[in-house]
C-alpha atoms as a PDB file:
ATOM      1  CA  SER A   1       2.727  -1.068 -11.582  1.00  0.00           C
ATOM      2  CA  MET A   2       6.043  -2.720 -10.868  1.00  0.00           C
ATOM      3  CA  GLU A   3       7.491   0.495  -9.433  1.00  0.00           C
ATOM      4  CA  LEU A   4       4.661   0.760  -6.881  1.00  0.00           C
ATOM      5  CA  ASP A   5       5.149  -2.869  -5.874  1.00  0.00           C
ATOM      6  CA  VAL A   6       8.905  -2.334  -5.448  1.00  0.00           C
ATOM      7  CA  LEU A   7       8.339   0.736  -3.269  1.00  0.00           C
ATOM      8  CA  LEU A   8       5.820  -1.157  -1.130  1.00  0.00           C
ATOM      9  CA  ALA A   9       8.224  -4.084  -0.756  1.00  0.00           C
ATOM     10  CA  ARG A  10      11.050  -1.729   0.241  1.00  0.00           C
ATOM     11  CA  ALA A  11       8.808  -0.071   2.807  1.00  0.00           C
ATOM     12  CA  CYS A  12       7.972  -3.463   4.314  1.00  0.00           C
ATOM     13  CA  TYR A  13      11.671  -4.361   4.391  1.00  0.00           C
ATOM     14  CA  TYR A  14      12.628  -1.121   6.153  1.00  0.00           C
ATOM     15  CA  ASP A  15       9.762  -1.531   8.601  1.00  0.00           C
ATOM     16  CA  LEU A  16      10.852  -5.099   9.367  1.00  0.00           C
ATOM     17  CA  TYR A  17      14.364  -3.860  10.171  1.00  0.00           C
ATOM     18  CA  GLN A  18      13.066  -0.966  12.317  1.00  0.00           C
ATOM     19  CA  GLN A  19      13.851   1.895   9.957  1.00  0.00           C
ATOM     20  CA  PRO A  20      10.484   3.699   9.975  1.00  0.00           C
ATOM     21  CA  GLN A  21      11.806   6.897   8.372  1.00  0.00           C
ATOM     22  CA  LEU A  22      13.041   4.990   5.309  1.00  0.00           C
ATOM     23  CA  ALA A  23       9.826   2.966   5.198  1.00  0.00           C
ATOM     24  CA  MET A  24       7.787   6.185   5.259  1.00  0.00           C
ATOM     25  CA  GLU A  25       9.876   7.671   2.431  1.00  0.00           C
ATOM     26  CA  CYS A  26       9.067   4.662   0.232  1.00  0.00           C
ATOM     27  CA  LEU A  27       5.359   4.848   1.075  1.00  0.00           C
ATOM     28  CA  ASN A  28       5.265   8.587   0.387  1.00  0.00           C
ATOM     29  CA  GLN A  29       6.935   7.989  -2.996  1.00  0.00           C
ATOM     30  CA  ALA A  30       4.346   5.335  -3.852  1.00  0.00           C
ATOM     31  CA  VAL A  31       1.488   7.664  -2.910  1.00  0.00           C
ATOM     32  CA  ALA A  32       3.102  10.472  -4.923  1.00  0.00           C
ATOM     33  CA  LEU A  33       3.244   8.192  -7.978  1.00  0.00           C
ATOM     34  CA  GLN A  34      -0.401   7.165  -7.628  1.00  0.00           C
ATOM     35  CA  ALA A  35      -2.523   9.034  -5.083  1.00  0.00           C
ATOM     36  CA  GLY A  36      -5.203   6.336  -4.974  1.00  0.00           C
ATOM     37  CA  PHE A  37      -2.830   3.419  -4.298  1.00  0.00           C
ATOM     38  CA  THR A  38      -4.611   2.180  -1.194  1.00  0.00           C
ATOM     39  CA  PRO A  39      -2.126  -0.598  -0.245  1.00  0.00           C
ATOM     40  CA  ALA A  40       0.537   2.074   0.327  1.00  0.00           C
ATOM     41  CA  LEU A  41      -1.913   4.298   2.196  1.00  0.00           C
ATOM     42  CA  VAL A  42      -2.995   1.448   4.476  1.00  0.00           C
ATOM     43  CA  GLU A  43       0.632   0.560   5.170  1.00  0.00           C
ATOM     44  CA  LYS A  44       1.381   4.240   5.845  1.00  0.00           C
ATOM     45  CA  ALA A  45      -1.473   4.402   8.374  1.00  0.00           C
ATOM     46  CA  ARG A  46      -0.242   1.236  10.093  1.00  0.00           C
ATOM     47  CA  LEU A  47       3.309   2.632  10.229  1.00  0.00           C
ATOM     48  CA  LEU A  48       2.061   5.963  11.601  1.00  0.00           C
ATOM     49  CA  MET A  49       0.226   4.112  14.379  1.00  0.00           C
ATOM     50  CA  SER A  50       3.343   2.094  15.186  1.00  0.00           C
ATOM     51  CA  ILE A  51       5.406   5.276  15.625  1.00  0.00           C
ATOM     52  CA  GLY A  52       2.662   6.942  17.657  1.00  0.00           C
ATOM     53  CA  ASP A  53       1.251   9.470  15.179  1.00  0.00           C
ATOM     54  CA  TRP A  54      -2.355   8.403  15.779  1.00  0.00           C
ATOM     55  CA  ASP A  55      -4.019  11.551  14.448  1.00  0.00           C
ATOM     56  CA  LEU A  56      -2.281  11.452  11.068  1.00  0.00           C
ATOM     57  CA  ALA A  57      -2.895   7.698  10.903  1.00  0.00           C
ATOM     58  CA  ASN A  58      -6.600   8.347  11.426  1.00  0.00           C
ATOM     59  CA  GLU A  59      -6.592  10.916   8.594  1.00  0.00           C
ATOM     60  CA  VAL A  60      -4.954   8.415   6.241  1.00  0.00           C
ATOM     61  CA  VAL A  61      -7.394   5.637   7.211  1.00  0.00           C
ATOM     62  CA  THR A  62     -10.317   8.012   6.669  1.00  0.00           C
ATOM     63  CA  ARG A  63      -8.903   8.805   3.207  1.00  0.00           C
ATOM     64  CA  VAL A  64      -8.664   5.101   2.339  1.00  0.00           C
ATOM     65  CA  LEU A  65     -12.212   4.441   3.530  1.00  0.00           C
ATOM     66  CA  SER A  66     -13.516   7.342   1.432  1.00  0.00           C
ATOM     67  CA  MET A  67     -12.063   5.576  -1.647  1.00  0.00           C
ATOM     68  CA  GLU A  68     -12.752   1.976  -0.579  1.00  0.00           C
ATOM     69  CA  PRO A  69     -15.448   1.760   2.135  1.00  0.00           C
ATOM     70  CA  ASP A  70     -15.019  -2.039   2.332  1.00  0.00           C
ATOM     71  CA  ASN A  71     -11.225  -2.071   2.741  1.00  0.00           C
ATOM     72  CA  LEU A  72     -10.869  -4.604   5.563  1.00  0.00           C
ATOM     73  CA  GLU A  73      -7.409  -3.539   6.691  1.00  0.00           C
ATOM     74  CA  ALA A  74      -8.474   0.125   6.850  1.00  0.00           C
ATOM     75  CA  LEU A  75     -11.589  -0.869   8.800  1.00  0.00           C
ATOM     76  CA  ARG A  76      -9.412  -2.871  11.205  1.00  0.00           C
ATOM     77  CA  LEU A  77      -7.106   0.115  11.729  1.00  0.00           C
ATOM     78  CA  MET A  78     -10.112   2.406  12.270  1.00  0.00           C
ATOM     79  CA  ALA A  79     -11.441   0.004  14.898  1.00  0.00           C
ATOM     80  CA  LEU A  80      -8.037  -0.084  16.601  1.00  0.00           C
ATOM     81  CA  TYR A  81      -7.903   3.722  16.577  1.00  0.00           C
ATOM     82  CA  THR A  82     -11.416   3.980  18.001  1.00  0.00           C
ATOM     83  CA  VAL A  83     -10.777   1.456  20.780  1.00  0.00           C
ATOM     84  CA  THR A  84      -7.426   2.871  21.851  1.00  0.00           C
ATOM     85  CA  ARG A  85      -7.809   6.617  21.373  1.00  0.00           C
ATOM     86  CA  GLU A  86     -11.378   7.461  22.345  1.00  0.00           C
END
């Protein structure tokens, strides 16, 4: 929906201008509107990794992969997690 797209765009804007808390608020709102909105979940996982919350990022990536096993961005983030954390 348009509202989800707007929230995702705002999150990307806030992330670009180094405001991760505001970016996370937008992503959380998008996920609250539609729990299975994987673009917001993938972006949330990427943001969590960038702020150093690797364990929560891994949980979010695992959630995405349970819904979409072929999600390339989630697979990329899982590979990054595996290489850097284990």
